[in-house]
Amino acid sequence: MALEREQETYRRKLAELKTDEGKFALIHGDDVVGVYGTYEDAIAEGYRQFHLDPFLVKQIQTVEQVQFITRFLDSPCRT
């Protein structure tokens, strides 16, 4: 799975990050590079520092929201 290392870093550092809940963490490998007020700021800094190397931008949330997505539709897609 992509970004497993970064996701594990987020889980491991969440206790430290929770004071910035709602902001966005920029994670590269085992490091939390920074915390930003907006997703756009975090992603721009990620590309500036890491170019096309993998990095993760994740909103800091002590309780993760569960999102349900289904493939089952009542009617076919019409375009």
Protein backbone atom coordinates (compact mmCIF):
# COMPACT_ATOMS: atom_id res chain seq x y z
CA MET A 1 0.00 0.00 0.00
CA ALA A 2 1.27 3.49 -0.81
CA LEU A 3 2.52 5.76 1.97
CA GLU A 4 2.42 3.05 4.64
CA ARG A 5 5.51 4.44 6.33
CA GLU A 6 4.06 7.97 6.44
CA GLN A 7 0.71 6.72 7.74
CA GLU A 8 2.47 4.81 10.51
CA THR A 9 4.46 7.94 11.36
CA TYR A 10 1.18 9.88 11.65
CA ARG A 11 -0.32 7.24 13.97
CA ARG A 12 2.83 7.14 16.09
CA LYS A 13 3.04 10.95 16.43
CA LEU A 14 -0.69 11.67 16.81
CA ALA A 15 -0.43 12.26 20.57
CA GLU A 16 2.09 15.05 19.91
CA LEU A 17 0.07 16.48 17.01
CA LYS A 18 -3.32 16.62 18.73
CA THR A 19 -2.70 20.15 20.03
CA ASP A 20 -2.87 21.21 16.35
CA GLU A 21 -6.10 19.37 15.62
CA GLY A 22 -7.79 20.60 12.46
CA LYS A 23 -4.53 21.69 10.86
CA PHE A 24 -2.57 19.69 8.28
CA ALA A 25 0.58 17.65 8.92
CA LEU A 26 3.21 17.22 6.22
CA ILE A 27 4.91 13.84 6.67
CA HIS A 28 7.85 12.41 4.77
CA GLY A 29 9.12 9.00 5.80
CA ASP A 30 9.54 8.92 9.58
CA ASP A 31 9.42 12.70 9.99
CA VAL A 32 6.65 15.19 10.59
CA VAL A 33 8.11 18.01 8.51
CA GLY A 34 5.63 20.64 9.65
CA VAL A 35 2.07 21.60 10.52
CA TYR A 36 0.15 24.04 8.31
CA GLY A 37 -3.10 25.92 8.61
CA THR A 38 -4.38 24.88 5.19
CA TYR A 39 -4.13 21.84 2.96
CA GLU A 40 -2.91 24.06 0.13
CA ASP A 41 0.02 25.39 2.19
CA ALA A 42 1.03 21.89 3.28
CA ILE A 43 0.86 20.38 -0.21
CA ALA A 44 2.78 23.31 -1.74
CA GLU A 45 5.55 22.89 0.84
CA GLY A 46 5.62 19.14 0.23
CA TYR A 47 6.16 19.63 -3.50
CA ARG A 48 8.71 22.38 -2.86
CA GLN A 49 10.80 20.16 -0.59
CA PHE A 50 10.25 16.68 -2.01
CA HIS A 51 9.25 17.26 -5.64
CA LEU A 52 7.90 13.90 -6.85
CA ASP A 53 9.13 11.84 -3.88
CA PRO A 54 6.21 10.44 -1.86
CA PHE A 55 4.91 12.52 1.05
CA LEU A 56 1.68 12.63 2.99
CA VAL A 57 -0.52 15.60 3.88
CA LYS A 58 -3.13 14.62 6.45
CA GLN A 59 -5.57 16.64 8.50
CA ILE A 60 -4.88 16.14 12.19
CA GLN A 61 -7.90 14.50 13.81
CA THR A 62 -7.98 12.68 17.12
CA VAL A 63 -11.15 10.92 15.99
CA GLU A 64 -11.11 9.77 12.37
CA GLN A 65 -14.30 10.24 10.39
CA VAL A 66 -15.47 7.07 8.68
CA GLN A 67 -16.60 7.51 5.11
CA PHE A 68 -18.66 4.89 3.35
CA ILE A 69 -18.39 4.55 -0.40
CA THR A 70 -20.35 1.98 -2.33
CA ARG A 71 -20.13 0.63 -5.83
CA PHE A 72 -23.76 -0.41 -5.79
CA LEU A 73 -26.00 2.10 -7.51
CA ASP A 74 -29.75 1.96 -8.03
CA SER A 75 -29.46 3.22 -11.58
CA PRO A 76 -26.73 3.21 -14.21
CA CYS A 77 -24.57 6.26 -14.68
CA ARG A 78 -25.74 8.49 -17.50
CA THR A 79 -23.38 10.96 -19.05
